[in-house]
Amino acid sequence: MKEGRMKGQAFIGLPNEKAAAKALKEAN
């Protein structure tokens, strides 16, 4: 999101829950 009140936010779809959990753990 680059405009409005959602600016500075993003939604990322990953292949599965395991990949998302690993991404959250390592990138947060």
mmCIF file of all heavy atoms, coordinates in Angstrom:
data_MODEL
# 
_entry.id   MODEL 
# 
loop_
_atom_site.group_PDB 
_atom_site.id 
_atom_site.type_symbol 
_atom_site.label_atom_id 
_atom_site.label_alt_id 
_atom_site.label_comp_id 
_atom_site.label_asym_id 
_atom_site.label_entity_id 
_atom_site.label_seq_id 
_atom_site.pdbx_PDB_ins_code 
_atom_site.Cartn_x 
_atom_site.Cartn_y 
_atom_site.Cartn_z 
_atom_site.occupancy 
_atom_site.B_iso_or_equiv 
_atom_site.pdbx_formal_charge 
_atom_site.auth_seq_id 
_atom_site.auth_comp_id 
_atom_site.auth_asym_id 
_atom_site.auth_atom_id 
_atom_site.pdbx_PDB_model_num 
ATOM 1   N N   . MET A 1 1  ? 0.852   -1.197  0.000  1.00 0.00 ? 1  MET A N   1 
ATOM 2   C CA  . MET A 1 1  ? 0.000   0.000   0.000  1.00 0.00 ? 1  MET A CA  1 
ATOM 3   C C   . MET A 1 1  ? 0.889   1.248   0.000  1.00 0.00 ? 1  MET A C   1 
ATOM 4   O O   . MET A 1 1  ? 1.734   1.403   0.882  1.00 0.00 ? 1  MET A O   1 
ATOM 5   C CB  . MET A 1 1  ? -0.913  0.008   1.235  1.00 0.00 ? 1  MET A CB  1 
ATOM 6   C CG  . MET A 1 1  ? -1.620  -1.316  1.479  1.00 0.00 ? 1  MET A CG  1 
ATOM 7   S SD  . MET A 1 1  ? -2.658  -1.868  0.107  1.00 0.00 ? 1  MET A SD  1 
ATOM 8   C CE  . MET A 1 1  ? -3.150  -3.485  0.698  1.00 0.00 ? 1  MET A CE  1 
ATOM 9   N N   . LYS A 1 2  ? 0.658   2.109   -0.964 1.00 0.00 ? 2  LYS A N   1 
ATOM 10  C CA  . LYS A 1 2  ? 1.504   3.304   -1.086 1.00 0.00 ? 2  LYS A CA  1 
ATOM 11  C C   . LYS A 1 2  ? 0.750   4.605   -0.901 1.00 0.00 ? 2  LYS A C   1 
ATOM 12  O O   . LYS A 1 2  ? 1.334   5.678   -0.901 1.00 0.00 ? 2  LYS A O   1 
ATOM 13  C CB  . LYS A 1 2  ? 2.182   3.315   -2.471 1.00 0.00 ? 2  LYS A CB  1 
ATOM 14  C CG  . LYS A 1 2  ? 3.191   2.181   -2.639 1.00 0.00 ? 2  LYS A CG  1 
ATOM 15  C CD  . LYS A 1 2  ? 3.908   2.299   -3.972 1.00 0.00 ? 2  LYS A CD  1 
ATOM 16  C CE  . LYS A 1 2  ? 4.968   1.224   -4.124 1.00 0.00 ? 2  LYS A CE  1 
ATOM 17  N NZ  . LYS A 1 2  ? 5.690   1.309   -5.399 1.00 0.00 ? 2  LYS A NZ  1 
ATOM 18  N N   . GLU A 1 3  ? -0.561  4.511   -0.772 1.00 0.00 ? 3  GLU A N   1 
ATOM 19  C CA  . GLU A 1 3  ? -1.360  5.745   -0.657 1.00 0.00 ? 3  GLU A CA  1 
ATOM 20  C C   . GLU A 1 3  ? -2.364  5.634   0.484  1.00 0.00 ? 3  GLU A C   1 
ATOM 21  O O   . GLU A 1 3  ? -2.750  4.542   0.893  1.00 0.00 ? 3  GLU A O   1 
ATOM 22  C CB  . GLU A 1 3  ? -2.088  6.019   -1.973 1.00 0.00 ? 3  GLU A CB  1 
ATOM 23  C CG  . GLU A 1 3  ? -1.138  6.330   -3.129 1.00 0.00 ? 3  GLU A CG  1 
ATOM 24  C CD  . GLU A 1 3  ? -1.884  6.545   -4.441 1.00 0.00 ? 3  GLU A CD  1 
ATOM 25  O OE1 . GLU A 1 3  ? -3.139  6.475   -4.422 1.00 0.00 ? 3  GLU A OE1 1 
ATOM 26  O OE2 . GLU A 1 3  ? -1.234  6.771   -5.457 1.00 0.00 ? 3  GLU A OE2 1 
ATOM 27  N N   . GLY A 1 4  ? -2.801  6.801   0.945  1.00 0.00 ? 4  GLY A N   1 
ATOM 28  C CA  . GLY A 1 4  ? -3.848  6.859   1.967  1.00 0.00 ? 4  GLY A CA  1 
ATOM 29  C C   . GLY A 1 4  ? -3.414  6.324   3.315  1.00 0.00 ? 4  GLY A C   1 
ATOM 30  O O   . GLY A 1 4  ? -2.227  6.228   3.619  1.00 0.00 ? 4  GLY A O   1 
ATOM 31  N N   . ARG A 1 5  ? -4.399  5.957   4.125  1.00 0.00 ? 5  ARG A N   1 
ATOM 32  C CA  . ARG A 1 5  ? -4.113  5.523   5.502  1.00 0.00 ? 5  ARG A CA  1 
ATOM 33  C C   . ARG A 1 5  ? -3.450  4.144   5.560  1.00 0.00 ? 5  ARG A C   1 
ATOM 34  O O   . ARG A 1 5  ? -2.910  3.761   6.598  1.00 0.00 ? 5  ARG A O   1 
ATOM 35  C CB  . ARG A 1 5  ? -5.401  5.507   6.318  1.00 0.00 ? 5  ARG A CB  1 
ATOM 36  C CG  . ARG A 1 5  ? -6.430  4.574   5.760  1.00 0.00 ? 5  ARG A CG  1 
ATOM 37  C CD  . ARG A 1 5  ? -7.710  4.683   6.545  1.00 0.00 ? 5  ARG A CD  1 
ATOM 38  N NE  . ARG A 1 5  ? -8.727  3.803   5.973  1.00 0.00 ? 5  ARG A NE  1 
ATOM 39  C CZ  . ARG A 1 5  ? -9.928  3.652   6.494  1.00 0.00 ? 5  ARG A CZ  1 
ATOM 40  N NH1 . ARG A 1 5  ? -10.260 4.313   7.578  1.00 0.00 ? 5  ARG A NH1 1 
ATOM 41  N NH2 . ARG A 1 5  ? -10.806 2.848   5.930  1.00 0.00 ? 5  ARG A NH2 1 
ATOM 42  N N   . MET A 1 6  ? -3.511  3.398   4.458  1.00 0.00 ? 6  MET A N   1 
ATOM 43  C CA  . MET A 1 6  ? -2.871  2.075   4.422  1.00 0.00 ? 6  MET A CA  1 
ATOM 44  C C   . MET A 1 6  ? -1.406  2.158   4.013  1.00 0.00 ? 6  MET A C   1 
ATOM 45  O O   . MET A 1 6  ? -0.722  1.143   3.915  1.00 0.00 ? 6  MET A O   1 
ATOM 46  C CB  . MET A 1 6  ? -3.612  1.161   3.434  1.00 0.00 ? 6  MET A CB  1 
ATOM 47  C CG  . MET A 1 6  ? -5.039  0.843   3.829  1.00 0.00 ? 6  MET A CG  1 
ATOM 48  S SD  . MET A 1 6  ? -5.108  -0.215  5.286  1.00 0.00 ? 6  MET A SD  1 
ATOM 49  C CE  . MET A 1 6  ? -4.608  -1.772  4.586  1.00 0.00 ? 6  MET A CE  1 
ATOM 50  N N   . LYS A 1 7  ? -0.921  3.365   3.790  1.00 0.00 ? 7  LYS A N   1 
ATOM 51  C CA  . LYS A 1 7  ? 0.465   3.559   3.357  1.00 0.00 ? 7  LYS A CA  1 
ATOM 52  C C   . LYS A 1 7  ? 1.435   2.969   4.393  1.00 0.00 ? 7  LYS A C   1 
ATOM 53  O O   . LYS A 1 7  ? 1.217   3.098   5.593  1.00 0.00 ? 7  LYS A O   1 
ATOM 54  C CB  . LYS A 1 7  ? 0.727   5.056   3.179  1.00 0.00 ? 7  LYS A CB  1 
ATOM 55  C CG  . LYS A 1 7  ? 2.021   5.363   2.444  1.00 0.00 ? 7  LYS A CG  1 
ATOM 56  C CD  . LYS A 1 7  ? 2.125   6.861   2.211  1.00 0.00 ? 7  LYS A CD  1 
ATOM 57  C CE  . LYS A 1 7  ? 3.393   7.195   1.446  1.00 0.00 ? 7  LYS A CE  1 
ATOM 58  N NZ  . LYS A 1 7  ? 3.528   8.640   1.224  1.00 0.00 ? 7  LYS A NZ  1 
ATOM 59  N N   . GLY A 1 8  ? 2.495   2.337   3.886  1.00 0.00 ? 8  GLY A N   1 
ATOM 60  C CA  . GLY A 1 8  ? 3.481   1.747   4.790  1.00 0.00 ? 8  GLY A CA  1 
ATOM 61  C C   . GLY A 1 8  ? 3.092   0.377   5.290  1.00 0.00 ? 8  GLY A C   1 
ATOM 62  O O   . GLY A 1 8  ? 3.670   -0.138  6.241  1.00 0.00 ? 8  GLY A O   1 
ATOM 63  N N   . GLN A 1 9  ? 2.095   -0.229  4.627  1.00 0.00 ? 9  GLN A N   1 
ATOM 64  C CA  . GLN A 1 9  ? 1.645   -1.572  5.006  1.00 0.00 ? 9  GLN A CA  1 
ATOM 65  C C   . GLN A 1 9  ? 1.625   -2.463  3.771  1.00 0.00 ? 9  GLN A C   1 
ATOM 66  O O   . GLN A 1 9  ? 1.545   -1.984  2.643  1.00 0.00 ? 9  GLN A O   1 
ATOM 67  C CB  . GLN A 1 9  ? 0.243   -1.506  5.626  1.00 0.00 ? 9  GLN A CB  1 
ATOM 68  C CG  . GLN A 1 9  ? 0.193   -0.626  6.868  1.00 0.00 ? 9  GLN A CG  1 
ATOM 69  C CD  . GLN A 1 9  ? -1.231  -0.415  7.342  1.00 0.00 ? 9  GLN A CD  1 
ATOM 70  O OE1 . GLN A 1 9  ? -1.967  -1.366  7.526  1.00 0.00 ? 9  GLN A OE1 1 
ATOM 71  N NE2 . GLN A 1 9  ? -1.606  0.842   7.538  1.00 0.00 ? 9  GLN A NE2 1 
ATOM 72  N N   . ALA A 1 10 ? 1.698   -3.758  4.013  1.00 0.00 ? 10 ALA A N   1 
ATOM 73  C CA  . ALA A 1 10 ? 1.690   -4.696  2.892  1.00 0.00 ? 10 ALA A CA  1 
ATOM 74  C C   . ALA A 1 10 ? 1.074   -6.019  3.316  1.00 0.00 ? 10 ALA A C   1 
ATOM 75  O O   . ALA A 1 10 ? 1.114   -6.395  4.493  1.00 0.00 ? 10 ALA A O   1 
ATOM 76  C CB  . ALA A 1 10 ? 3.113   -4.926  2.389  1.00 0.00 ? 10 ALA A CB  1 
ATOM 77  N N   . PHE A 1 11 ? 0.484   -6.696  2.340  1.00 0.00 ? 11 PHE A N   1 
ATOM 78  C CA  . PHE A 1 11 ? -0.042  -8.047  2.549  1.00 0.00 ? 11 PHE A CA  1 
ATOM 79  C C   . PHE A 1 11 ? 0.715   -8.980  1.609  1.00 0.00 ? 11 PHE A C   1 
ATOM 80  O O   . PHE A 1 11 ? 0.828   -8.705  0.417  1.00 0.00 ? 11 PHE A O   1 
ATOM 81  C CB  . PHE A 1 11 ? -1.540  -8.102  2.269  1.00 0.00 ? 11 PHE A CB  1 
ATOM 82  C CG  . PHE A 1 11 ? -2.354  -7.381  3.305  1.00 0.00 ? 11 PHE A CG  1 
ATOM 83  C CD1 . PHE A 1 11 ? -2.660  -6.032  3.151  1.00 0.00 ? 11 PHE A CD1 1 
ATOM 84  C CD2 . PHE A 1 11 ? -2.793  -8.039  4.435  1.00 0.00 ? 11 PHE A CD2 1 
ATOM 85  C CE1 . PHE A 1 11 ? -3.388  -5.350  4.107  1.00 0.00 ? 11 PHE A CE1 1 
ATOM 86  C CE2 . PHE A 1 11 ? -3.529  -7.364  5.411  1.00 0.00 ? 11 PHE A CE2 1 
ATOM 87  C CZ  . PHE A 1 11 ? -3.829  -6.021  5.236  1.00 0.00 ? 11 PHE A CZ  1 
ATOM 88  N N   . ILE A 1 12 ? 1.225   -10.058 2.181  1.00 0.00 ? 12 ILE A N   1 
ATOM 89  C CA  . ILE A 1 12 ? 2.033   -10.982 1.386  1.00 0.00 ? 12 ILE A CA  1 
ATOM 90  C C   . ILE A 1 12 ? 1.460   -12.387 1.498  1.00 0.00 ? 12 ILE A C   1 
ATOM 91  O O   . ILE A 1 12 ? 1.330   -12.935 2.604  1.00 0.00 ? 12 ILE A O   1 
ATOM 92  C CB  . ILE A 1 12 ? 3.510   -10.966 1.853  1.00 0.00 ? 12 ILE A CB  1 
ATOM 93  C CG1 . ILE A 1 12 ? 4.071   -9.553  1.666  1.00 0.00 ? 12 ILE A CG1 1 
ATOM 94  C CG2 . ILE A 1 12 ? 4.342   -11.976 1.070  1.00 0.00 ? 12 ILE A CG2 1 
ATOM 95  C CD1 . ILE A 1 12 ? 5.339   -9.287  2.412  1.00 0.00 ? 12 ILE A CD1 1 
ATOM 96  N N   . GLY A 1 13 ? 1.107   -12.943 0.343  1.00 0.00 ? 13 GLY A N   1 
ATOM 97  C CA  . GLY A 1 13 ? 0.590   -14.311 0.298  1.00 0.00 ? 13 GLY A CA  1 
ATOM 98  C C   . GLY A 1 13 ? 1.726   -15.283 0.052  1.00 0.00 ? 13 GLY A C   1 
ATOM 99  O O   . GLY A 1 13 ? 2.482   -15.131 -0.903 1.00 0.00 ? 13 GLY A O   1 
ATOM 100 N N   . LEU A 1 14 ? 1.841   -16.268 0.938  1.00 0.00 ? 14 LEU A N   1 
ATOM 101 C CA  . LEU A 1 14 ? 2.895   -17.277 0.815  1.00 0.00 ? 14 LEU A CA  1 
ATOM 102 C C   . LEU A 1 14 ? 2.268   -18.645 0.516  1.00 0.00 ? 14 LEU A C   1 
ATOM 103 O O   . LEU A 1 14 ? 1.068   -18.838 0.702  1.00 0.00 ? 14 LEU A O   1 
ATOM 104 C CB  . LEU A 1 14 ? 3.728   -17.310 2.095  1.00 0.00 ? 14 LEU A CB  1 
ATOM 105 C CG  . LEU A 1 14 ? 4.615   -16.060 2.281  1.00 0.00 ? 14 LEU A CG  1 
ATOM 106 C CD1 . LEU A 1 14 ? 5.125   -15.966 3.710  1.00 0.00 ? 14 LEU A CD1 1 
ATOM 107 C CD2 . LEU A 1 14 ? 5.777   -16.063 1.310  1.00 0.00 ? 14 LEU A CD2 1 
ATOM 108 N N   . PRO A 1 15 ? 3.068   -19.604 0.041  1.00 0.00 ? 15 PRO A N   1 
ATOM 109 C CA  . PRO A 1 15 ? 2.521   -20.892 -0.425 1.00 0.00 ? 15 PRO A CA  1 
ATOM 110 C C   . PRO A 1 15 ? 1.747   -21.673 0.628  1.00 0.00 ? 15 PRO A C   1 
ATOM 111 O O   . PRO A 1 15 ? 0.792   -22.368 0.305  1.00 0.00 ? 15 PRO A O   1 
ATOM 112 C CB  . PRO A 1 15 ? 3.766   -21.678 -0.861 1.00 0.00 ? 15 PRO A CB  1 
ATOM 113 C CG  . PRO A 1 15 ? 4.795   -20.646 -1.125 1.00 0.00 ? 15 PRO A CG  1 
ATOM 114 C CD  . PRO A 1 15 ? 4.518   -19.521 -0.200 1.00 0.00 ? 15 PRO A CD  1 
ATOM 115 N N   . ASN A 1 16 ? 2.167   -21.575 1.888  1.00 0.00 ? 16 ASN A N   1 
ATOM 116 C CA  . ASN A 1 16 ? 1.481   -22.346 2.929  1.00 0.00 ? 16 ASN A CA  1 
ATOM 117 C C   . ASN A 1 16 ? 1.718   -21.710 4.299  1.00 0.00 ? 16 ASN A C   1 
ATOM 118 O O   . ASN A 1 16 ? 2.499   -20.763 4.439  1.00 0.00 ? 16 ASN A O   1 
ATOM 119 C CB  . ASN A 1 16 ? 1.962   -23.812 2.926  1.00 0.00 ? 16 ASN A CB  1 
ATOM 120 C CG  . ASN A 1 16 ? 3.480   -23.910 2.944  1.00 0.00 ? 16 ASN A CG  1 
ATOM 121 O OD1 . ASN A 1 16 ? 4.131   -23.415 3.865  1.00 0.00 ? 16 ASN A OD1 1 
ATOM 122 N ND2 . ASN A 1 16 ? 4.055   -24.525 1.916  1.00 0.00 ? 16 ASN A ND2 1 
ATOM 123 N N   . GLU A 1 17 ? 1.035   -22.275 5.280  1.00 0.00 ? 17 GLU A N   1 
ATOM 124 C CA  . GLU A 1 17 ? 1.097   -21.737 6.635  1.00 0.00 ? 17 GLU A CA  1 
ATOM 125 C C   . GLU A 1 17 ? 2.498   -21.866 7.231  1.00 0.00 ? 17 GLU A C   1 
ATOM 126 O O   . GLU A 1 17 ? 2.965   -20.991 7.968  1.00 0.00 ? 17 GLU A O   1 
ATOM 127 C CB  . GLU A 1 17 ? 0.093   -22.507 7.510  1.00 0.00 ? 17 GLU A CB  1 
ATOM 128 C CG  . GLU A 1 17 ? -0.208  -21.856 8.836  1.00 0.00 ? 17 GLU A CG  1 
ATOM 129 C CD  . GLU A 1 17 ? -1.273  -22.629 9.600  1.00 0.00 ? 17 GLU A CD  1 
ATOM 130 O OE1 . GLU A 1 17 ? -2.441  -22.641 9.149  1.00 0.00 ? 17 GLU A OE1 1 
ATOM 131 O OE2 . GLU A 1 17 ? -0.920  -23.231 10.633 1.00 0.00 ? 17 GLU A OE2 1 
ATOM 132 N N   . LYS A 1 18 ? 3.177   -22.970 6.909  1.00 0.00 ? 18 LYS A N   1 
ATOM 133 C CA  . LYS A 1 18 ? 4.533   -23.206 7.436  1.00 0.00 ? 18 LYS A CA  1 
ATOM 134 C C   . LYS A 1 18 ? 5.503   -22.124 6.947  1.00 0.00 ? 18 LYS A C   1 
ATOM 135 O O   . LYS A 1 18 ? 6.305   -21.591 7.720  1.00 0.00 ? 18 LYS A O   1 
ATOM 136 C CB  . LYS A 1 18 ? 5.008   -24.585 6.990  1.00 0.00 ? 18 LYS A CB  1 
ATOM 137 C CG  . LYS A 1 18 ? 6.336   -24.994 7.599  1.00 0.00 ? 18 LYS A CG  1 
ATOM 138 C CD  . LYS A 1 18 ? 6.746   -26.381 7.097  1.00 0.00 ? 18 LYS A CD  1 
ATOM 139 C CE  . LYS A 1 18 ? 8.124   -26.754 7.640  1.00 0.00 ? 18 LYS A CE  1 
ATOM 140 N NZ  . LYS A 1 18 ? 8.568   -28.066 7.118  1.00 0.00 ? 18 LYS A NZ  1 
ATOM 141 N N   . ALA A 1 19 ? 5.411   -21.793 5.653  1.00 0.00 ? 19 ALA A N   1 
ATOM 142 C CA  . ALA A 1 19 ? 6.277   -20.757 5.082  1.00 0.00 ? 19 ALA A CA  1 
ATOM 143 C C   . ALA A 1 19 ? 5.976   -19.402 5.710  1.00 0.00 ? 19 ALA A C   1 
ATOM 144 O O   . ALA A 1 19 ? 6.891   -18.619 6.009  1.00 0.00 ? 19 ALA A O   1 
ATOM 145 C CB  . ALA A 1 19 ? 6.086   -20.692 3.568  1.00 0.00 ? 19 ALA A CB  1 
ATOM 146 N N   . ALA A 1 20 ? 4.693   -19.129 5.942  1.00 0.00 ? 20 ALA A N   1 
ATOM 147 C CA  . ALA A 1 20 ? 4.291   -17.851 6.546  1.00 0.00 ? 20 ALA A CA  1 
ATOM 148 C C   . ALA A 1 20 ? 4.801   -17.752 7.986  1.00 0.00 ? 20 ALA A C   1 
ATOM 149 O O   . ALA A 1 20 ? 5.273   -16.706 8.414  1.00 0.00 ? 20 ALA A O   1 
ATOM 150 C CB  . ALA A 1 20 ? 2.771   -17.717 6.502  1.00 0.00 ? 20 ALA A CB  1 
ATOM 151 N N   . ALA A 1 21 ? 4.727   -18.874 8.720  1.00 0.00 ? 21 ALA A N   1 
ATOM 152 C CA  . ALA A 1 21 ? 5.199   -18.880 10.112 1.00 0.00 ? 21 ALA A CA  1 
ATOM 153 C C   . ALA A 1 21 ? 6.706   -18.637 10.183 1.00 0.00 ? 21 ALA A C   1 
ATOM 154 O O   . ALA A 1 21 ? 7.191   -17.908 11.047 1.00 0.00 ? 21 ALA A O   1 
ATOM 155 C CB  . ALA A 1 21 ? 4.841   -20.210 10.776 1.00 0.00 ? 21 ALA A CB  1 
ATOM 156 N N   . LYS A 1 22 ? 7.434   -19.238 9.263  1.00 0.00 ? 22 LYS A N   1 
ATOM 157 C CA  . LYS A 1 22 ? 8.887   -19.055 9.233  1.00 0.00 ? 22 LYS A CA  1 
ATOM 158 C C   . LYS A 1 22 ? 9.231   -17.612 8.863  1.00 0.00 ? 22 LYS A C   1 
ATOM 159 O O   . LYS A 1 22 ? 10.127  -17.004 9.440  1.00 0.00 ? 22 LYS A O   1 
ATOM 160 C CB  . LYS A 1 22 ? 9.504   -20.022 8.222  1.00 0.00 ? 22 LYS A CB  1 
ATOM 161 C CG  . LYS A 1 22 ? 11.018  -20.097 8.338  1.00 0.00 ? 22 LYS A CG  1 
ATOM 162 C CD  . LYS A 1 22 ? 11.610  -21.131 7.395  1.00 0.00 ? 22 LYS A CD  1 
ATOM 163 C CE  . LYS A 1 22 ? 13.116  -21.198 7.584  1.00 0.00 ? 22 LYS A CE  1 
ATOM 164 N NZ  . LYS A 1 22 ? 13.783  -22.041 6.601  1.00 0.00 ? 22 LYS A NZ  1 
ATOM 165 N N   . ALA A 1 23 ? 8.499   -17.061 7.888  1.00 0.00 ? 23 ALA A N   1 
ATOM 166 C CA  . ALA A 1 23 ? 8.729   -15.678 7.466  1.00 0.00 ? 23 ALA A CA  1 
ATOM 167 C C   . ALA A 1 23 ? 8.467   -14.713 8.619  1.00 0.00 ? 23 ALA A C   1 
ATOM 168 O O   . ALA A 1 23 ? 9.225   -13.762 8.850  1.00 0.00 ? 23 ALA A O   1 
ATOM 169 C CB  . ALA A 1 23 ? 7.833   -15.346 6.274  1.00 0.00 ? 23 ALA A CB  1 
ATOM 170 N N   . LEU A 1 24 ? 7.391   -14.962 9.358  1.00 0.00 ? 24 LEU A N   1 
ATOM 171 C CA  . LEU A 1 24 ? 7.053   -14.091 10.499 1.00 0.00 ? 24 LEU A CA  1 
ATOM 172 C C   . LEU A 1 24 ? 8.152   -14.154 11.561 1.00 0.00 ? 24 LEU A C   1 
ATOM 173 O O   . LEU A 1 24 ? 8.617   -13.121 12.056 1.00 0.00 ? 24 LEU A O   1 
ATOM 174 C CB  . LEU A 1 24 ? 5.710   -14.544 11.099 1.00 0.00 ? 24 LEU A CB  1 
ATOM 175 C CG  . LEU A 1 24 ? 5.171   -13.689 12.260 1.00 0.00 ? 24 LEU A CG  1 
ATOM 176 C CD1 . LEU A 1 24 ? 3.642   -13.651 12.211 1.00 0.00 ? 24 LEU A CD1 1 
ATOM 177 C CD2 . LEU A 1 24 ? 5.610   -14.253 13.609 1.00 0.00 ? 24 LEU A CD2 1 
ATOM 178 N N   . LYS A 1 25 ? 8.592   -15.351 11.865 1.00 0.00 ? 25 LYS A N   1 
ATOM 179 C CA  . LYS A 1 25 ? 9.604   -15.539 12.906 1.00 0.00 ? 25 LYS A CA  1 
ATOM 180 C C   . LYS A 1 25 ? 10.923  -14.857 12.539 1.00 0.00 ? 25 LYS A C   1 
ATOM 181 O O   . LYS A 1 25 ? 11.560  -14.216 13.379 1.00 0.00 ? 25 LYS A O   1 
ATOM 182 C CB  . LYS A 1 25 ? 9.833   -17.037 13.127 1.00 0.00 ? 25 LYS A CB  1 
ATOM 183 C CG  . LYS A 1 25 ? 10.825  -17.347 14.234 1.00 0.00 ? 25 LYS A CG  1 
ATOM 184 C CD  . LYS A 1 25 ? 11.069  -18.844 14.322 1.00 0.00 ? 25 LYS A CD  1 
ATOM 185 C CE  . LYS A 1 25 ? 12.149  -19.172 15.340 1.00 0.00 ? 25 LYS A CE  1 
ATOM 186 N NZ  . LYS A 1 25 ? 12.454  -20.625 15.374 1.00 0.00 ? 25 LYS A NZ  1 
ATOM 187 N N   . GLU A 1 26 ? 11.341  -14.997 11.286 1.00 0.00 ? 26 GLU A N   1 
ATOM 188 C CA  . GLU A 1 26 ? 12.661  -14.512 10.873 1.00 0.00 ? 26 GLU A CA  1 
ATOM 189 C C   . GLU A 1 26 ? 12.675  -13.038 10.445 1.00 0.00 ? 26 GLU A C   1 
ATOM 190 O O   . GLU A 1 26 ? 13.712  -12.387 10.530 1.00 0.00 ? 26 GLU A O   1 
ATOM 191 C CB  . GLU A 1 26 ? 13.198  -15.384 9.732  1.00 0.00 ? 26 GLU A CB  1 
ATOM 192 C CG  . GLU A 1 26 ? 13.466  -16.818 10.170 1.00 0.00 ? 26 GLU A CG  1 
ATOM 193 C CD  . GLU A 1 26 ? 14.030  -17.689 9.068  1.00 0.00 ? 26 GLU A CD  1 
ATOM 194 O OE1 . GLU A 1 26 ? 14.176  -17.210 7.915  1.00 0.00 ? 26 GLU A OE1 1 
ATOM 195 O OE2 . GLU A 1 26 ? 14.317  -18.855 9.341  1.00 0.00 ? 26 GLU A OE2 1 
ATOM 196 N N   . ALA A 1 27 ? 11.540  -12.524 9.961  1.00 0.00 ? 27 ALA A N   1 
ATOM 197 C CA  . ALA A 1 27 ? 11.535  -11.165 9.409  1.00 0.00 ? 27 ALA A CA  1 
ATOM 198 C C   . ALA A 1 27 ? 10.957  -10.115 10.355 1.00 0.00 ? 27 ALA A C   1 
ATOM 199 O O   . ALA A 1 27 ? 11.162  -8.917  10.137 1.00 0.00 ? 27 ALA A O   1 
ATOM 200 C CB  . ALA A 1 27 ? 10.763  -11.141 8.090  1.00 0.00 ? 27 ALA A CB  1 
ATOM 201 N N   . ASN A 1 28 ? 10.239  -10.541 11.388 1.00 0.00 ? 28 ASN A N   1 
ATOM 202 C CA  . ASN A 1 28 ? 9.670   -9.572  12.320 1.00 0.00 ? 28 ASN A CA  1 
ATOM 203 C C   . ASN A 1 28 ? 10.794  -8.826  13.042 1.00 0.00 ? 28 ASN A C   1 
ATOM 204 O O   . ASN A 1 28 ? 11.685  -9.431  13.642 1.00 0.00 ? 28 ASN A O   1 
ATOM 205 C CB  . ASN A 1 28 ? 8.774   -10.278 13.341 1.00 0.00 ? 28 ASN A CB  1 
ATOM 206 C CG  . ASN A 1 28 ? 8.077   -9.290  14.261 1.00 0.00 ? 28 ASN A CG  1 
ATOM 207 O OD1 . ASN A 1 28 ? 7.589   -8.259  13.811 1.00 0.00 ? 28 ASN A OD1 1 
ATOM 208 N ND2 . ASN A 1 28 ? 8.037   -9.600  15.545 1.00 0.00 ? 28 ASN A ND2 1 
# 
